[in-house]
């Protein structure tokens, strides 16, 4: 999600530019859910998944 916000912000990836880019994200398919943001709506994930790469496999840690 952060990477997508930075991509959208481009050269204006400072505080205000990144905030505006993130607020434009709708229906972002993340690992733990689908996220949409807007001005005044900044709720993010309520959980996380931790994994590691072992060789060519992704292994769930937590």
Foldseek 3Di string as FASTA:
>chain_A
DQVQLCVQLDPVCPDVSSVVSQQCDAQCQDPQGTDHHHVVRDDDDPDDWDWDDDPNDIGTDD
